[in-house]
Amino acid sequence: MIETKALGVSLSGKTIISDIAFSANPGEVTAIVGPNGSGKTTLLRALAGDVAYTGTAYLDGRSFAEIKPWQMAARRAVLPQASALSFPFTVREIVKIGLTGGYSGVSREEEKRLPDLALQRVDLAGFGGRLYQELSGGEQQRVQLARVLCQVWKPVVDGEARYLFLDEPISSLDIRHQIVVMEIARDFAAAGGGVIAILHDLNLTAMFADRIAVMNRGKLDVMGTPREALTDERLERVYECTLRVGVPPEKGVPFVLPQSAYRAAAE
């Protein structure tokens, strides 16, 4: 379990997030949603160790401060929003970077097959010999996800759950590949790992997330199930626009319809 208490981050003397009590359980997809500038990426960067923070963060009850970088790298893999490259690497070379630490959880012999297996998993089979710079933005994003998957290929190693930290993993993808990526996240969690993902599509969030953390103005507004977190009142207050949430009776998964808000306003 990943947990924070009174977590805060200040950059250039400005408070970005404060008093964050966040948690993510193994076996679950935990989504972080909220408006632009609400502190979502800063929270994930603090959990990844990329920015200094106040307060405390724990992994299975052990303070992050006590965990060596190589130990943390063996427990979690991070997909940033963007990954700029200046050199002409092939797709396979990029994906193999995820294996450099030796944390995949499989044998050395099995590791030889992982780059191609990871590319197949993100629907890029046969792309290994292509130059990374020649791919579309969405294809590059999936290559980076394949790299991250190689790092923690087995969701559980020696009884310890591992985590995927995903910062807007579907932001530049078509709808088919958005679903592919979210299914990867769900499958990773179902196998015992944990996923923390920053998302903007509230409907896909409701479909795939077990719990949702709603960020607003640097604070954690709520953390709960999709039905608890996605309500008319909360979404209108956080996003500062009129939204309506519906719930199909057969599954109870909420969905957000901006169109219905316009109809309601007209009436």
C-alpha atoms as a PDB file:
ATOM      1  CA  MET A   1       0.000   0.000   0.000  1.00  0.00           C
ATOM      2  CA  ILE A   2       1.134   3.523  -0.789  1.00  0.00           C
ATOM      3  CA  GLU A   3      -0.030   6.151   1.662  1.00  0.00           C
ATOM      4  CA  THR A   4       0.685   9.815   2.373  1.00  0.00           C
ATOM      5  CA  LYS A   5       0.006  11.979   5.395  1.00  0.00           C
ATOM      6  CA  ALA A   6       0.004  15.785   5.287  1.00  0.00           C
ATOM      7  CA  LEU A   7       1.971  15.678   2.030  1.00  0.00           C
ATOM      8  CA  GLY A   8       2.929  19.062   0.619  1.00  0.00           C
ATOM      9  CA  VAL A   9       5.080  20.413  -2.202  1.00  0.00           C
ATOM     10  CA  SER A  10       6.336  23.952  -2.765  1.00  0.00           C
ATOM     11  CA  LEU A  11       8.133  25.049  -5.925  1.00  0.00           C
ATOM     12  CA  SER A  12       9.967  28.382  -6.222  1.00  0.00           C
ATOM     13  CA  GLY A  13       8.454  29.436  -2.925  1.00  0.00           C
ATOM     14  CA  LYS A  14       4.877  28.741  -4.031  1.00  0.00           C
ATOM     15  CA  THR A  15       2.745  26.054  -2.427  1.00  0.00           C
ATOM     16  CA  ILE A  16       1.530  23.682  -5.141  1.00  0.00           C
ATOM     17  CA  ILE A  17      -0.138  20.982  -3.043  1.00  0.00           C
ATOM     18  CA  SER A  18      -0.695  20.743   0.698  1.00  0.00           C
ATOM     19  CA  ASP A  19      -2.106  18.463   3.384  1.00  0.00           C
ATOM     20  CA  ILE A  20      -2.629  15.518   1.019  1.00  0.00           C
ATOM     21  CA  ALA A  21      -3.862  12.287   2.645  1.00  0.00           C
ATOM     22  CA  PHE A  22      -3.720   9.894  -0.307  1.00  0.00           C
ATOM     23  CA  SER A  23      -3.637   6.110  -0.533  1.00  0.00           C
ATOM     24  CA  ALA A  24      -3.370   3.483  -3.262  1.00  0.00           C
ATOM     25  CA  ASN A  25      -3.925  -0.203  -2.641  1.00  0.00           C
ATOM     26  CA  PRO A  26      -2.464  -3.184  -4.482  1.00  0.00           C
ATOM     27  CA  GLY A  27      -5.073  -4.887  -6.604  1.00  0.00           C
ATOM     28  CA  GLU A  28      -6.688  -1.568  -7.493  1.00  0.00           C
ATOM     29  CA  VAL A  29      -6.562   1.143 -10.138  1.00  0.00           C
ATOM     30  CA  THR A  30      -6.439   4.485  -8.343  1.00  0.00           C
ATOM     31  CA  ALA A  31      -7.204   7.469 -10.570  1.00  0.00           C
ATOM     32  CA  ILE A  32      -6.250  11.073  -9.896  1.00  0.00           C
ATOM     33  CA  VAL A  33      -8.529  13.592 -11.609  1.00  0.00           C
ATOM     34  CA  GLY A  34      -9.065  17.329 -11.452  1.00  0.00           C
ATOM     35  CA  PRO A  35      -8.715  20.530 -13.492  1.00  0.00           C
ATOM     36  CA  ASN A  36      -5.482  21.656 -15.084  1.00  0.00           C
ATOM     37  CA  GLY A  37      -3.183  23.107 -12.446  1.00  0.00           C
ATOM     38  CA  SER A  38      -4.917  21.367  -9.544  1.00  0.00           C
ATOM     39  CA  GLY A  39      -1.748  19.529  -8.469  1.00  0.00           C
ATOM     40  CA  LYS A  40      -2.234  16.084 -10.001  1.00  0.00           C
ATOM     41  CA  THR A  41       1.188  15.786 -11.637  1.00  0.00           C
ATOM     42  CA  THR A  42       2.918  17.348  -8.644  1.00  0.00           C
ATOM     43  CA  LEU A  43       1.369  14.709  -6.390  1.00  0.00           C
ATOM     44  CA  LEU A  44       2.514  11.919  -8.691  1.00  0.00           C
ATOM     45  CA  ARG A  45       6.004  13.426  -8.974  1.00  0.00           C
ATOM     46  CA  ALA A  46       6.236  13.543  -5.185  1.00  0.00           C
ATOM     47  CA  LEU A  47       5.255   9.872  -4.995  1.00  0.00           C
ATOM     48  CA  ALA A  48       7.855   9.097  -7.674  1.00  0.00           C
ATOM     49  CA  GLY A  49      10.570  10.944  -5.749  1.00  0.00           C
ATOM     50  CA  ASP A  50      11.063  13.585  -8.442  1.00  0.00           C
ATOM     51  CA  VAL A  51      10.325  16.565  -6.182  1.00  0.00           C
ATOM     52  CA  ALA A  52      11.002  17.268  -2.525  1.00  0.00           C
ATOM     53  CA  TYR A  53       7.987  17.189  -0.238  1.00  0.00           C
ATOM     54  CA  THR A  54       6.947  17.817   3.330  1.00  0.00           C
ATOM     55  CA  GLY A  55       4.880  15.390   5.335  1.00  0.00           C
ATOM     56  CA  THR A  56       5.309  11.646   5.029  1.00  0.00           C
ATOM     57  CA  ALA A  57       4.861   8.976   2.374  1.00  0.00           C
ATOM     58  CA  TYR A  58       4.865   5.244   3.018  1.00  0.00           C
ATOM     59  CA  LEU A  59       5.227   2.059   1.002  1.00  0.00           C
ATOM     60  CA  ASP A  60       3.833  -0.904   2.917  1.00  0.00           C
ATOM     61  CA  GLY A  61       4.256   1.037   6.138  1.00  0.00           C
ATOM     62  CA  ARG A  62       7.865   1.969   5.450  1.00  0.00           C
ATOM     63  CA  SER A  63       8.767   5.627   4.982  1.00  0.00           C
ATOM     64  CA  PHE A  64       9.935   6.571   1.497  1.00  0.00           C
ATOM     65  CA  ALA A  65      12.902   8.261   3.176  1.00  0.00           C
ATOM     66  CA  GLU A  66      14.148   4.855   4.359  1.00  0.00           C
ATOM     67  CA  ILE A  67      13.948   3.219   0.932  1.00  0.00           C
ATOM     68  CA  LYS A  68      17.002   3.351  -1.316  1.00  0.00           C
ATOM     69  CA  PRO A  69      16.469   4.535  -4.927  1.00  0.00           C
ATOM     70  CA  TRP A  70      17.260   1.112  -6.376  1.00  0.00           C
ATOM     71  CA  GLN A  71      14.784  -0.492  -3.997  1.00  0.00           C
ATOM     72  CA  MET A  72      12.094   1.966  -5.052  1.00  0.00           C
ATOM     73  CA  ALA A  73      12.894   1.325  -8.726  1.00  0.00           C
ATOM     74  CA  ALA A  74      12.226  -2.359  -8.102  1.00  0.00           C
ATOM     75  CA  ARG A  75       8.772  -1.568  -6.691  1.00  0.00           C
ATOM     76  CA  ARG A  76       7.428   1.027  -9.101  1.00  0.00           C
ATOM     77  CA  ALA A  77       7.777   2.263 -12.680  1.00  0.00           C
ATOM     78  CA  VAL A  78       6.893   5.782 -13.807  1.00  0.00           C
ATOM     79  CA  LEU A  79       5.374   6.938 -17.094  1.00  0.00           C
ATOM     80  CA  PRO A  80       5.737  10.751 -17.374  1.00  0.00           C
ATOM     81  CA  GLN A  81       3.496  12.966 -19.476  1.00  0.00           C
ATOM     82  CA  ALA A  82       6.159  13.388 -22.163  1.00  0.00           C
ATOM     83  CA  SER A  83       9.556  11.889 -22.939  1.00  0.00           C
ATOM     84  CA  ALA A  84      11.647  13.922 -25.383  1.00  0.00           C
ATOM     85  CA  LEU A  85      14.512  12.159 -27.156  1.00  0.00           C
ATOM     86  CA  SER A  86      17.196  13.801 -29.285  1.00  0.00           C
ATOM     87  CA  PHE A  87      18.983  10.715 -30.576  1.00  0.00           C
ATOM     88  CA  PRO A  88      17.805   8.235 -33.240  1.00  0.00           C
ATOM     89  CA  PHE A  89      16.946   5.259 -31.036  1.00  0.00           C
ATOM     90  CA  THR A  90      14.910   2.385 -32.364  1.00  0.00           C
ATOM     91  CA  VAL A  91      11.685   1.450 -30.645  1.00  0.00           C
ATOM     92  CA  ARG A  92      13.211  -1.760 -29.264  1.00  0.00           C
ATOM     93  CA  GLU A  93      16.169   0.165 -27.819  1.00  0.00           C
ATOM     94  CA  ILE A  94      13.768   2.468 -25.974  1.00  0.00           C
ATOM     95  CA  VAL A  95      11.742  -0.406 -24.577  1.00  0.00           C
ATOM     96  CA  LYS A  96      14.881  -2.269 -23.445  1.00  0.00           C
ATOM     97  CA  ILE A  97      15.790   0.679 -21.207  1.00  0.00           C
ATOM     98  CA  GLY A  98      13.121  -0.660 -18.871  1.00  0.00           C
ATOM     99  CA  LEU A  99      15.232  -3.775 -18.344  1.00  0.00           C
ATOM    100  CA  THR A 100      18.500  -2.081 -17.396  1.00  0.00           C
ATOM    101  CA  GLY A 101      17.880  -2.336 -13.660  1.00  0.00           C
ATOM    102  CA  GLY A 102      17.095  -6.040 -13.738  1.00  0.00           C
ATOM    103  CA  TYR A 103      13.802  -5.569 -11.882  1.00  0.00           C
ATOM    104  CA  SER A 104      11.393  -7.163 -14.358  1.00  0.00           C
ATOM    105  CA  GLY A 105      10.802 -10.154 -12.099  1.00  0.00           C
ATOM    106  CA  VAL A 106      11.537 -12.770 -14.765  1.00  0.00           C
ATOM    107  CA  SER A 107      14.667 -14.737 -15.638  1.00  0.00           C
ATOM    108  CA  ARG A 108      17.424 -13.319 -17.837  1.00  0.00           C
ATOM    109  CA  GLU A 109      16.387 -15.716 -20.578  1.00  0.00           C
ATOM    110  CA  GLU A 110      12.766 -14.581 -20.386  1.00  0.00           C
ATOM    111  CA  GLU A 111      13.874 -10.934 -20.369  1.00  0.00           C
ATOM    112  CA  LYS A 112      15.167 -11.338 -23.906  1.00  0.00           C
ATOM    113  CA  ARG A 113      11.578 -11.728 -25.071  1.00  0.00           C
ATOM    114  CA  LEU A 114      10.083  -8.956 -22.969  1.00  0.00           C
ATOM    115  CA  PRO A 115      10.571  -5.999 -25.353  1.00  0.00           C
ATOM    116  CA  ASP A 116       8.606  -7.746 -28.083  1.00  0.00           C
ATOM    117  CA  LEU A 117       5.989  -8.989 -25.612  1.00  0.00           C
ATOM    118  CA  ALA A 118       5.566  -5.489 -24.192  1.00  0.00           C
ATOM    119  CA  LEU A 119       5.222  -3.987 -27.666  1.00  0.00           C
ATOM    120  CA  GLN A 120       2.612  -6.590 -28.504  1.00  0.00           C
ATOM    121  CA  ARG A 121       0.761  -5.740 -25.294  1.00  0.00           C
ATOM    122  CA  VAL A 122       0.498  -2.060 -26.285  1.00  0.00           C
ATOM    123  CA  ASP A 123      -0.568  -2.978 -29.836  1.00  0.00           C
ATOM    124  CA  LEU A 124       2.783  -2.169 -31.465  1.00  0.00           C
ATOM    125  CA  ALA A 125       3.845  -5.639 -32.569  1.00  0.00           C
ATOM    126  CA  GLY A 126       6.430  -5.420 -35.347  1.00  0.00           C
ATOM    127  CA  PHE A 127       7.475  -1.849 -34.478  1.00  0.00           C
ATOM    128  CA  GLY A 128      10.751  -2.836 -32.772  1.00  0.00           C
ATOM    129  CA  GLY A 129      12.995  -1.846 -35.671  1.00  0.00           C
ATOM    130  CA  ARG A 130      11.287   1.486 -36.358  1.00  0.00           C
ATOM    131  CA  LEU A 131      12.927   4.766 -35.344  1.00  0.00           C
ATOM    132  CA  TYR A 132      11.204   6.295 -32.340  1.00  0.00           C
ATOM    133  CA  GLN A 133      11.223   9.809 -33.839  1.00  0.00           C
ATOM    134  CA  GLU A 134       9.319   8.600 -36.896  1.00  0.00           C
ATOM    135  CA  LEU A 135       6.298   7.508 -34.872  1.00  0.00           C
ATOM    136  CA  SER A 136       3.188   9.519 -34.136  1.00  0.00           C
ATOM    137  CA  GLY A 137       2.731  11.046 -30.700  1.00  0.00           C
ATOM    138  CA  GLY A 138       0.286   8.344 -29.682  1.00  0.00           C
ATOM    139  CA  GLU A 139       2.613   5.592 -30.856  1.00  0.00           C
ATOM    140  CA  GLN A 140       5.519   7.146 -28.943  1.00  0.00           C
ATOM    141  CA  GLN A 141       3.358   7.249 -25.832  1.00  0.00           C
ATOM    142  CA  ARG A 142       2.654   3.533 -26.139  1.00  0.00           C
ATOM    143  CA  VAL A 143       6.349   2.785 -26.697  1.00  0.00           C
ATOM    144  CA  GLN A 144       7.090   4.526 -23.400  1.00  0.00           C
ATOM    145  CA  LEU A 145       4.369   2.489 -21.717  1.00  0.00           C
ATOM    146  CA  ALA A 146       5.991  -0.688 -23.068  1.00  0.00           C
ATOM    147  CA  ARG A 147       9.282   0.457 -21.523  1.00  0.00           C
ATOM    148  CA  VAL A 148       7.578   1.005 -18.176  1.00  0.00           C
ATOM    149  CA  LEU A 149       5.886  -2.386 -18.323  1.00  0.00           C
ATOM    150  CA  CYS A 150       9.244  -4.093 -18.849  1.00  0.00           C
ATOM    151  CA  GLN A 151      10.528  -2.552 -15.626  1.00  0.00           C
ATOM    152  CA  VAL A 152       7.796  -4.161 -13.498  1.00  0.00           C
ATOM    153  CA  TRP A 153       6.589  -6.909 -15.810  1.00  0.00           C
ATOM    154  CA  LYS A 154       5.494  -9.115 -12.928  1.00  0.00           C
ATOM    155  CA  PRO A 155       2.986  -7.213 -10.758  1.00  0.00           C
ATOM    156  CA  VAL A 156       4.024  -9.157  -7.645  1.00  0.00           C
ATOM    157  CA  VAL A 157       7.559 -10.332  -6.815  1.00  0.00           C
ATOM    158  CA  ASP A 158       8.454 -12.201  -3.624  1.00  0.00           C
ATOM    159  CA  GLY A 159       5.031 -11.414  -2.218  1.00  0.00           C
ATOM    160  CA  GLU A 160       5.436  -7.655  -2.700  1.00  0.00           C
ATOM    161  CA  ALA A 161       3.079  -5.717  -4.944  1.00  0.00           C
ATOM    162  CA  ARG A 162       4.584  -3.393  -7.511  1.00  0.00           C
ATOM    163  CA  TYR A 163       3.117  -0.203  -8.910  1.00  0.00           C
ATOM    164  CA  LEU A 164       2.618   1.632 -12.178  1.00  0.00           C
ATOM    165  CA  PHE A 165       2.646   5.439 -11.919  1.00  0.00           C
ATOM    166  CA  LEU A 166       0.992   6.747 -15.098  1.00  0.00           C
ATOM    167  CA  ASP A 167       0.773  10.480 -15.846  1.00  0.00           C
ATOM    168  CA  GLU A 168      -1.964  11.012 -18.444  1.00  0.00           C
ATOM    169  CA  PRO A 169      -1.293   7.690 -20.220  1.00  0.00           C
ATOM    170  CA  ILE A 170      -4.187   8.101 -22.678  1.00  0.00           C
ATOM    171  CA  SER A 171      -3.969  11.833 -23.411  1.00  0.00           C
ATOM    172  CA  SER A 172      -2.916  11.533 -27.066  1.00  0.00           C
ATOM    173  CA  LEU A 173      -4.511   8.209 -27.946  1.00  0.00           C
ATOM    174  CA  ASP A 174      -7.511   7.330 -30.093  1.00  0.00           C
ATOM    175  CA  ILE A 175     -10.435   5.720 -28.307  1.00  0.00           C
ATOM    176  CA  ARG A 176      -9.409   2.160 -29.184  1.00  0.00           C
ATOM    177  CA  HIS A 177      -5.949   2.573 -27.722  1.00  0.00           C
ATOM    178  CA  GLN A 178      -7.297   4.456 -24.716  1.00  0.00           C
ATOM    179  CA  ILE A 179      -9.223   1.297 -23.894  1.00  0.00           C
ATOM    180  CA  VAL A 180      -6.169  -0.886 -24.629  1.00  0.00           C
ATOM    181  CA  VAL A 181      -4.106   1.113 -22.132  1.00  0.00           C
ATOM    182  CA  MET A 182      -6.811   1.132 -19.480  1.00  0.00           C
ATOM    183  CA  GLU A 183      -7.207  -2.633 -19.862  1.00  0.00           C
ATOM    184  CA  ILE A 184      -3.456  -2.991 -19.308  1.00  0.00           C
ATOM    185  CA  ALA A 185      -3.842  -1.000 -16.086  1.00  0.00           C
ATOM    186  CA  ARG A 186      -6.819  -3.068 -14.974  1.00  0.00           C
ATOM    187  CA  ASP A 187      -5.051  -6.362 -15.750  1.00  0.00           C
ATOM    188  CA  PHE A 188      -1.933  -5.251 -13.855  1.00  0.00           C
ATOM    189  CA  ALA A 189      -4.073  -4.497 -10.809  1.00  0.00           C
ATOM    190  CA  ALA A 190      -6.062  -7.716 -11.164  1.00  0.00           C
ATOM    191  CA  ALA A 191      -2.768  -9.637 -11.031  1.00  0.00           C
ATOM    192  CA  GLY A 192      -1.975  -8.069  -7.654  1.00  0.00           C
ATOM    193  CA  GLY A 193      -0.121  -4.898  -8.598  1.00  0.00           C
ATOM    194  CA  GLY A 194      -1.231  -1.339  -8.010  1.00  0.00           C
ATOM    195  CA  VAL A 195      -1.854   1.443 -10.507  1.00  0.00           C
ATOM    196  CA  ILE A 196      -1.915   5.190  -9.911  1.00  0.00           C
ATOM    197  CA  ALA A 197      -3.034   7.044 -13.043  1.00  0.00           C
ATOM    198  CA  ILE A 198      -3.720  10.693 -13.784  1.00  0.00           C
ATOM    199  CA  LEU A 199      -6.726  10.835 -16.094  1.00  0.00           C
ATOM    200  CA  HIS A 200      -8.916  13.490 -17.698  1.00  0.00           C
ATOM    201  CA  ASP A 201     -11.652  11.359 -19.267  1.00  0.00           C
ATOM    202  CA  LEU A 202     -14.124  11.015 -16.422  1.00  0.00           C
ATOM    203  CA  ASN A 203     -16.140   8.299 -18.146  1.00  0.00           C
ATOM    204  CA  LEU A 204     -13.138   6.033 -18.693  1.00  0.00           C
ATOM    205  CA  THR A 205     -12.106   6.847 -15.133  1.00  0.00           C
ATOM    206  CA  ALA A 206     -15.477   5.664 -13.851  1.00  0.00           C
ATOM    207  CA  MET A 207     -15.266   2.508 -15.975  1.00  0.00           C
ATOM    208  CA  PHE A 208     -11.791   1.401 -14.935  1.00  0.00           C
ATOM    209  CA  ALA A 209     -10.891   2.999 -11.592  1.00  0.00           C
ATOM    210  CA  ASP A 210     -11.588   1.305  -8.291  1.00  0.00           C
ATOM    211  CA  ARG A 211     -11.037   4.549  -6.410  1.00  0.00           C
ATOM    212  CA  ILE A 212     -10.747   8.171  -7.495  1.00  0.00           C
ATOM    213  CA  ALA A 213      -8.815  11.037  -5.906  1.00  0.00           C
ATOM    214  CA  VAL A 214     -10.275  14.392  -6.957  1.00  0.00           C
ATOM    215  CA  MET A 215      -7.754  17.239  -6.765  1.00  0.00           C
ATOM    216  CA  ASN A 216      -8.813  20.882  -6.594  1.00  0.00           C
ATOM    217  CA  ARG A 217      -6.592  23.941  -6.085  1.00  0.00           C
ATOM    218  CA  GLY A 218      -3.755  21.917  -4.594  1.00  0.00           C
ATOM    219  CA  LYS A 219      -5.964  20.035  -2.147  1.00  0.00           C
ATOM    220  CA  LEU A 220      -7.475  16.573  -2.131  1.00  0.00           C
ATOM    221  CA  ASP A 221     -11.196  17.247  -2.415  1.00  0.00           C
ATOM    222  CA  VAL A 222     -12.290  13.654  -1.942  1.00  0.00           C
ATOM    223  CA  MET A 223     -11.078  10.105  -2.300  1.00  0.00           C
ATOM    224  CA  GLY A 224     -13.594   7.356  -2.879  1.00  0.00           C
ATOM    225  CA  THR A 225     -15.301   5.012  -5.285  1.00  0.00           C
ATOM    226  CA  PRO A 226     -16.513   6.379  -8.635  1.00  0.00           C
ATOM    227  CA  ARG A 227     -20.040   6.743  -7.260  1.00  0.00           C
ATOM    228  CA  GLU A 228     -18.746   8.571  -4.200  1.00  0.00           C
ATOM    229  CA  ALA A 229     -16.339  10.852  -6.052  1.00  0.00           C
ATOM    230  CA  LEU A 230     -18.258  11.718  -9.221  1.00  0.00           C
ATOM    231  CA  THR A 231     -21.327  13.696  -8.227  1.00  0.00           C
ATOM    232  CA  ASP A 232     -23.061  16.663  -9.853  1.00  0.00           C
ATOM    233  CA  GLU A 233     -22.249  18.992  -6.982  1.00  0.00           C
ATOM    234  CA  ARG A 234     -18.600  18.040  -6.730  1.00  0.00           C
ATOM    235  CA  LEU A 235     -17.861  18.154 -10.458  1.00  0.00           C
ATOM    236  CA  GLU A 236     -19.574  21.523 -10.870  1.00  0.00           C
ATOM    237  CA  ARG A 237     -17.598  22.950  -7.957  1.00  0.00           C
ATOM    238  CA  VAL A 238     -14.238  21.474  -8.952  1.00  0.00           C
ATOM    239  CA  TYR A 239     -14.415  22.019 -12.714  1.00  0.00           C
ATOM    240  CA  GLU A 240     -16.447  25.240 -12.467  1.00  0.00           C
ATOM    241  CA  CYS A 241     -18.886  24.220 -15.180  1.00  0.00           C
ATOM    242  CA  THR A 242     -22.267  22.540 -15.261  1.00  0.00           C
ATOM    243  CA  LEU A 243     -22.074  18.757 -15.546  1.00  0.00           C
ATOM    244  CA  ARG A 244     -24.562  15.983 -14.960  1.00  0.00           C
ATOM    245  CA  VAL A 245     -23.747  12.482 -13.742  1.00  0.00           C
ATOM    246  CA  GLY A 246     -25.945   9.521 -14.645  1.00  0.00           C
ATOM    247  CA  VAL A 247     -25.876   5.938 -13.405  1.00  0.00           C
ATOM    248  CA  PRO A 248     -27.046   2.998 -15.542  1.00  0.00           C
ATOM    249  CA  PRO A 249     -29.025   0.691 -13.235  1.00  0.00           C
ATOM    250  CA  GLU A 250     -27.474  -2.566 -14.443  1.00  0.00           C
ATOM    251  CA  LYS A 251     -23.898  -1.817 -13.348  1.00  0.00           C
ATOM    252  CA  GLY A 252     -24.072   1.291 -11.231  1.00  0.00           C
ATOM    253  CA  VAL A 253     -21.053   2.864 -12.959  1.00  0.00           C
ATOM    254  CA  PRO A 254     -21.522   6.642 -13.218  1.00  0.00           C
ATOM    255  CA  PHE A 255     -21.139   8.529 -16.482  1.00  0.00           C
ATOM    256  CA  VAL A 256     -20.770  12.257 -17.093  1.00  0.00           C
ATOM    257  CA  LEU A 257     -22.800  14.012 -19.790  1.00  0.00           C
ATOM    258  CA  PRO A 258     -21.973  17.665 -20.513  1.00  0.00           C
ATOM    259  CA  GLN A 259     -24.786  17.616 -23.095  1.00  0.00           C
ATOM    260  CA  SER A 260     -27.439  16.936 -20.468  1.00  0.00           C
ATOM    261  CA  ALA A 261     -26.248  19.961 -18.526  1.00  0.00           C
ATOM    262  CA  TYR A 262     -26.986  22.193 -21.515  1.00  0.00           C
ATOM    263  CA  ARG A 263     -30.450  20.690 -21.847  1.00  0.00           C
ATOM    264  CA  ALA A 264     -31.091  21.222 -18.148  1.00  0.00           C
ATOM    265  CA  ALA A 265     -30.000  24.857 -18.397  1.00  0.00           C
ATOM    266  CA  ALA A 266     -32.279  25.425 -21.394  1.00  0.00           C
ATOM    267  CA  GLU A 267     -35.254  24.018 -19.552  1.00  0.00           C
END
